[in-house]
Structures are given as structure tokens and as C-alpha cells.
N, C-alpha and C. Protein backbone atom coordinates (compact mmCIF):
# COMPACT_ATOMS: atom_id res chain seq x y z
N MET A 1 14.29 -41.14 -53.36
CA MET A 1 13.26 -40.31 -54.26
C MET A 1 12.34 -41.25 -54.94
N GLY A 2 12.93 -42.14 -55.60
CA GLY A 2 11.96 -43.32 -56.72
C GLY A 2 11.84 -42.84 -57.84
N THR A 3 11.25 -43.72 -58.29
CA THR A 3 10.97 -43.52 -59.76
C THR A 3 10.39 -42.02 -60.20
N ARG A 4 9.30 -41.84 -59.17
CA ARG A 4 8.27 -40.91 -59.71
C ARG A 4 9.36 -39.15 -59.88
N LEU A 5 8.87 -38.84 -60.44
CA LEU A 5 9.30 -37.47 -60.64
C LEU A 5 8.93 -36.07 -59.54
N ALA A 6 10.04 -35.79 -58.73
CA ALA A 6 9.50 -35.34 -57.42
C ALA A 6 8.86 -33.77 -58.35
N THR A 7 7.78 -33.16 -57.57
CA THR A 7 7.13 -31.77 -58.00
C THR A 7 7.52 -30.60 -57.35
N LEU A 8 7.54 -28.96 -57.59
CA LEU A 8 7.42 -28.32 -56.62
C LEU A 8 6.75 -27.93 -55.21
N GLY A 9 5.76 -28.64 -55.20
CA GLY A 9 4.84 -28.96 -54.41
C GLY A 9 4.61 -29.62 -53.41
N GLY A 10 5.51 -31.40 -53.83
CA GLY A 10 5.33 -32.21 -53.72
C GLY A 10 4.18 -33.05 -53.89
N GLY A 11 3.30 -32.23 -54.66
CA GLY A 11 2.04 -33.23 -54.95
C GLY A 11 2.31 -34.02 -56.29
N PRO A 12 1.13 -34.00 -57.04
CA PRO A 12 1.10 -35.25 -57.71
C PRO A 12 1.54 -34.78 -58.92
N SER A 13 2.02 -34.46 -60.13
CA SER A 13 2.73 -34.18 -61.66
C SER A 13 1.50 -33.55 -62.20
N THR A 14 2.17 -32.92 -63.17
CA THR A 14 0.86 -32.60 -63.58
C THR A 14 0.65 -32.90 -64.88
N TRP A 15 0.89 -34.00 -65.45
CA TRP A 15 1.08 -35.16 -66.20
C TRP A 15 -0.08 -35.93 -65.43
N THR A 16 -0.12 -36.22 -63.84
CA THR A 16 -1.11 -37.23 -63.63
C THR A 16 -2.06 -36.59 -63.11
N LEU A 17 -1.67 -35.44 -63.31
CA LEU A 17 -3.82 -34.41 -62.70
C LEU A 17 -4.46 -34.70 -64.71
N ALA A 18 -3.60 -34.24 -65.53
CA ALA A 18 -4.17 -34.18 -66.39
C ALA A 18 -4.75 -35.78 -66.70
N ALA A 19 -4.33 -36.90 -66.93
CA ALA A 19 -4.78 -38.13 -66.64
C ALA A 19 -5.55 -38.43 -66.02
N LYS A 20 -5.99 -37.66 -65.58
CA LYS A 20 -6.96 -38.16 -64.15
C LYS A 20 -7.79 -37.55 -65.22
N ALA A 21 -7.88 -35.79 -65.58
CA ALA A 21 -9.33 -34.72 -66.11
C ALA A 21 -9.64 -35.69 -67.35
N GLY A 22 -8.58 -37.13 -67.57
CA GLY A 22 -9.08 -37.49 -69.22
C GLY A 22 -7.95 -36.81 -70.36
N LEU A 23 -7.20 -36.14 -70.39
CA LEU A 23 -6.23 -35.38 -71.11
C LEU A 23 -5.12 -36.59 -71.77
N ARG A 24 -4.92 -36.49 -72.92
CA ARG A 24 -3.52 -37.55 -73.02
C ARG A 24 -2.23 -37.10 -73.75
N ARG A 25 -1.38 -37.28 -73.07
CA ARG A 25 -0.22 -36.90 -73.83
C ARG A 25 -0.21 -36.66 -75.58
N PHE A 26 0.41 -35.34 -75.90
CA PHE A 26 0.50 -35.27 -77.23
C PHE A 26 1.74 -36.34 -77.60
N ASN A 27 1.63 -36.96 -78.24
CA ASN A 27 2.53 -37.77 -79.05
C ASN A 27 3.44 -37.16 -80.43
N TRP A 28 4.86 -36.09 -79.69
CA TRP A 28 4.99 -36.13 -80.90
C TRP A 28 5.81 -36.71 -81.60
N MET A 29 6.09 -38.23 -81.27
CA MET A 29 6.45 -39.52 -82.52
C MET A 29 5.69 -39.05 -83.72
N LYS A 30 4.21 -38.97 -84.00
CA LYS A 30 3.50 -38.98 -85.40
C LYS A 30 3.39 -37.70 -85.82
N PHE A 31 4.45 -36.98 -85.37
CA PHE A 31 5.15 -35.76 -86.15
C PHE A 31 6.61 -35.51 -85.97
N PRO A 32 7.28 -35.65 -87.25
CA PRO A 32 8.43 -35.73 -87.14
C PRO A 32 9.27 -34.78 -87.07
N MET A 33 10.05 -34.12 -86.34
CA MET A 33 10.79 -32.76 -85.80
C MET A 33 11.15 -31.97 -87.49
N ARG A 34 11.66 -33.12 -87.82
CA ARG A 34 11.79 -32.14 -89.42
C ARG A 34 10.59 -31.87 -90.01
N LYS A 35 9.84 -32.29 -90.25
CA LYS A 35 8.74 -32.11 -91.03
C LYS A 35 7.42 -30.83 -90.26
N VAL A 36 7.59 -30.54 -88.72
CA VAL A 36 7.51 -29.64 -87.93
C VAL A 36 8.20 -28.37 -88.69
N ALA A 37 9.55 -28.77 -88.71
CA ALA A 37 10.45 -27.44 -88.70
C ALA A 37 10.19 -27.11 -89.63
N GLY A 38 10.16 -28.04 -90.91
CA GLY A 38 9.76 -27.66 -92.56
C GLY A 38 8.81 -26.99 -92.90
N TYR A 39 7.59 -27.13 -92.16
CA TYR A 39 5.73 -26.39 -92.29
C TYR A 39 6.36 -24.88 -91.32
N ALA A 40 7.15 -24.77 -90.30
CA ALA A 40 7.56 -23.93 -89.34
C ALA A 40 8.07 -22.96 -90.62
N LEU A 41 9.14 -22.66 -91.05
CA LEU A 41 9.91 -22.48 -91.66
C LEU A 41 9.39 -21.66 -92.86
N ILE A 42 8.23 -22.42 -93.19
CA ILE A 42 7.43 -22.12 -94.46
C ILE A 42 6.23 -21.20 -94.13
N VAL A 43 6.38 -20.98 -92.80
CA VAL A 43 5.04 -20.10 -92.38
C VAL A 43 5.98 -19.02 -91.93
N LEU A 44 6.95 -19.12 -91.54
CA LEU A 44 8.13 -18.21 -91.48
C LEU A 44 8.31 -17.21 -92.40
N SER A 45 8.22 -17.86 -93.70
CA SER A 45 8.36 -16.74 -94.87
C SER A 45 7.09 -16.08 -95.55
N VAL A 46 5.98 -17.04 -95.24
CA VAL A 46 4.40 -16.20 -95.33
C VAL A 46 4.41 -14.47 -94.11
N VAL A 47 4.74 -15.02 -93.28
CA VAL A 47 4.90 -13.78 -92.21
C VAL A 47 6.22 -12.77 -92.87
N ALA A 48 7.64 -13.53 -93.32
CA ALA A 48 8.43 -12.30 -93.57
C ALA A 48 7.74 -11.64 -95.06
N TRP A 49 7.13 -12.25 -95.55
CA TRP A 49 6.22 -11.52 -96.76
C TRP A 49 5.09 -11.10 -96.55
N ALA A 50 4.69 -10.45 -95.45
CA ALA A 50 3.34 -10.17 -94.92
C ALA A 50 4.31 -8.98 -94.26
N ALA A 51 5.25 -8.95 -93.58
CA ALA A 51 5.63 -7.76 -93.11
C ALA A 51 6.16 -6.70 -94.15
N ILE A 52 6.30 -7.43 -95.20
CA ILE A 52 6.79 -6.55 -96.09
C ILE A 52 5.58 -5.60 -96.84
N ALA A 53 4.55 -6.25 -97.17
CA ALA A 53 3.28 -5.67 -97.42
C ALA A 53 3.07 -4.29 -96.31
N ALA A 54 3.36 -4.65 -95.17
CA ALA A 54 2.90 -3.54 -93.98
C ALA A 54 4.06 -2.54 -93.60
N LEU A 55 5.17 -2.87 -94.32
CA LEU A 55 5.98 -1.44 -93.85
C LEU A 55 5.68 -0.35 -94.23
N PRO A 56 4.90 0.03 -94.99
CA PRO A 56 4.11 1.70 -95.51
C PRO A 56 3.51 1.89 -94.49
N PHE A 57 3.29 1.06 -94.02
CA PHE A 57 2.06 1.74 -92.78
C PHE A 57 3.09 1.96 -91.58
N PHE A 58 4.13 2.00 -91.32
CA PHE A 58 5.16 2.01 -90.25
C PHE A 58 5.77 3.47 -90.57
N ASP A 59 6.20 4.68 -89.57
CA ASP A 59 6.97 5.31 -89.63
C ASP A 59 8.46 5.82 -89.63
N ILE A 60 8.95 4.87 -90.35
CA ILE A 60 10.35 5.03 -90.73
C ILE A 60 10.38 5.55 -92.28
N SER A 61 11.84 5.75 -92.11
CA SER A 61 12.48 6.45 -93.50
C SER A 61 12.62 5.44 -94.48
N VAL A 62 12.97 5.96 -95.58
CA VAL A 62 12.55 5.63 -97.16
C VAL A 62 13.79 4.40 -96.71
N GLY A 63 15.03 4.96 -96.76
CA GLY A 63 16.21 4.52 -96.20
C GLY A 63 16.06 2.87 -95.61
N SER A 64 15.33 3.31 -94.47
CA SER A 64 15.18 2.22 -93.31
C SER A 64 14.29 0.88 -94.10
N ALA A 65 13.31 1.62 -94.71
CA ALA A 65 12.53 0.66 -95.38
C ALA A 65 12.79 0.08 -96.30
N ALA A 66 14.09 0.68 -96.63
CA ALA A 66 14.39 -0.54 -98.32
C ALA A 66 15.53 -2.03 -97.49
N GLY A 67 15.99 -1.34 -96.69
CA GLY A 67 17.02 -2.34 -95.95
C GLY A 67 16.58 -3.54 -95.10
N ILE A 68 15.19 -2.84 -94.53
CA ILE A 68 14.32 -3.53 -94.21
C ILE A 68 13.66 -5.33 -94.76
N ALA A 69 13.02 -3.91 -96.05
CA ALA A 69 12.42 -4.85 -97.11
C ALA A 69 13.43 -5.72 -97.54
N THR A 70 14.98 -5.40 -97.70
CA THR A 70 15.43 -6.25 -98.45
C THR A 70 15.98 -7.58 -97.65
N THR A 71 15.88 -7.08 -96.34
CA THR A 71 16.80 -8.38 -95.15
C THR A 71 15.37 -9.47 -95.21
N LEU A 72 13.83 -8.81 -95.52
CA LEU A 72 13.09 -9.50 -95.33
C LEU A 72 12.80 -10.47 -96.52
N VAL A 73 12.96 -10.01 -97.94
CA VAL A 73 13.02 -11.01 -99.40
C VAL A 73 14.01 -12.15 -98.43
N ILE A 74 15.47 -11.60 -98.47
CA ILE A 74 16.49 -12.80 -98.62
C ILE A 74 15.44 -14.08 -97.35
N GLY A 75 15.67 -13.20 -96.51
CA GLY A 75 15.05 -14.25 -94.91
C GLY A 75 13.92 -15.06 -95.17
N GLY A 76 12.85 -14.17 -96.33
CA GLY A 76 11.44 -15.10 -96.56
C GLY A 76 12.26 -16.44 -97.49
N GLU A 77 13.31 -16.27 -98.64
CA GLU A 77 13.30 -16.81 -99.56
C GLU A 77 13.89 -18.04 -99.29
N VAL A 78 15.08 -17.84 -98.52
CA VAL A 78 15.70 -18.51 -97.37
C VAL A 78 14.52 -19.65 -96.52
N SER A 79 14.17 -19.04 -95.81
CA SER A 79 12.90 -19.76 -95.02
C SER A 79 12.02 -20.68 -95.45
N PHE A 80 11.70 -20.69 -96.69
CA PHE A 80 10.91 -20.86 -97.82
C PHE A 80 11.88 -22.02 -98.58
N PHE A 81 12.85 -21.88 -98.85
CA PHE A 81 13.42 -23.19 -99.55
C PHE A 81 14.30 -24.23 -98.56
N ALA A 82 14.74 -23.83 -97.30
CA ALA A 82 15.10 -24.40 -96.17
C ALA A 82 13.93 -25.01 -96.07
N GLY A 83 12.45 -24.43 -95.73
CA GLY A 83 11.41 -25.14 -95.12
C GLY A 83 11.40 -26.81 -96.11
N VAL A 84 11.11 -26.12 -97.57
CA VAL A 84 10.38 -27.18 -98.54
C VAL A 84 12.09 -28.13 -98.46
N ALA A 85 12.88 -28.22 -98.58
CA ALA A 85 14.31 -28.84 -98.16
C ALA A 85 14.00 -29.71 -97.28
N LEU A 86 13.49 -29.56 -96.30
CA LEU A 86 13.18 -30.52 -95.28
C LEU A 86 12.06 -30.83 -95.28
N LEU A 87 10.95 -30.57 -96.07
CA LEU A 87 9.86 -31.44 -96.07
C LEU A 87 10.37 -32.25 -97.76
N GLY A 88 11.14 -32.53 -98.08
CA GLY A 88 11.79 -33.48 -99.60
C GLY A 88 11.06 -33.26 -100.16
N LYS A 89 11.22 -34.14 -101.34
CA LYS A 89 10.96 -34.00 -102.72
C LYS A 89 9.57 -33.71 -103.20
N GLU A 90 8.38 -34.66 -102.01
CA GLU A 90 6.76 -34.19 -102.18
C GLU A 90 6.71 -32.45 -102.59
N ALA A 91 7.41 -32.08 -101.52
CA ALA A 91 6.55 -30.64 -101.10
C ALA A 91 7.09 -30.07 -102.05
N TRP A 92 8.51 -30.23 -103.15
CA TRP A 92 9.05 -29.47 -104.27
C TRP A 92 8.34 -29.78 -105.58
N ASN A 93 7.74 -30.64 -105.36
CA ASN A 93 6.88 -31.64 -106.58
C ASN A 93 5.57 -30.62 -106.80
N LYS A 94 5.32 -30.39 -105.53
CA LYS A 94 3.94 -29.44 -105.11
C LYS A 94 4.34 -28.13 -105.13
N VAL A 95 5.52 -27.66 -105.02
CA VAL A 95 5.77 -26.45 -105.23
C VAL A 95 5.67 -25.74 -107.30
N LYS A 96 6.44 -26.95 -107.60
CA LYS A 96 6.28 -27.10 -109.12
C LYS A 96 5.48 -26.88 -109.99
N SER A 97 4.04 -28.29 -109.33
CA SER A 97 3.05 -28.10 -110.22
C SER A 97 2.10 -26.96 -109.69
N LEU A 98 2.35 -25.96 -109.02
CA LEU A 98 1.27 -24.75 -108.50
C LEU A 98 1.94 -23.69 -110.12
N PHE A 99 3.23 -23.77 -110.65
CA PHE A 99 3.45 -23.22 -111.40
C PHE A 99 3.87 -23.40 -112.99
N LYS A 100 3.37 -24.52 -112.97
CA LYS A 100 3.21 -25.17 -114.07
C LYS A 100 1.88 -24.82 -114.96
N ARG A 101 1.62 -24.59 -116.32
CA ARG A 101 0.38 -24.61 -117.07
C ARG A 101 0.15 -25.80 -117.41
N SER A 102 -1.36 -25.64 -117.10
CA SER A 102 -2.26 -26.37 -117.32
C SER A 102 -2.02 -26.71 -119.32
């Protein structure tokens, strides 16, 4: 088979076609996965809090809404602090500076 990866149709690989079109591969080494995961967890926490705000608009019982809201609060807080922990001390200092009085 050689050093080239085979594709289903036997034709050129998609990266070869992309290179011919002038497109470059995305370089994941510029963005460490730890940083990407940290930002993703912070975004997930924002989505959880937005979902809490949207709960009254769904047709669910009060007990179910309370349970879902509790789960979303805990999940949002855990994902936020896990994201900050993955991003490091600079992110934590940024969060603390947002709550300091001038």
C-alpha cells in the first residue's frame, strides 16, 4: 500500500484536495487541549445557567423543574471551576479581579 493512506474511492485523500485548493490543516499544537477543554467547560457552565433561566418556559411540573434546576446549578458550578482549574492561575486571578471592589 505504500506510505500514502488509502481512501475509499482509491482517489486522492481529502487533505491532498484541500492542499490543492489552498487550504491548510488546522494546527492543534497552537492550542493545547488543556486550554481548549478549560474554555469548553466554562462555556458549558454558561449554557447550564442559561438553561436554568429558560426552565419556566417549558411545560414541566414544579418538582421536576426544581430537580432540573438543582442539577444544572451543581453541574454549572462544577464545570466552571473545573474549567478555571484547567486554565490555570491566570484565569483564577482574572475571575477574582472581576469581583474585587475598586
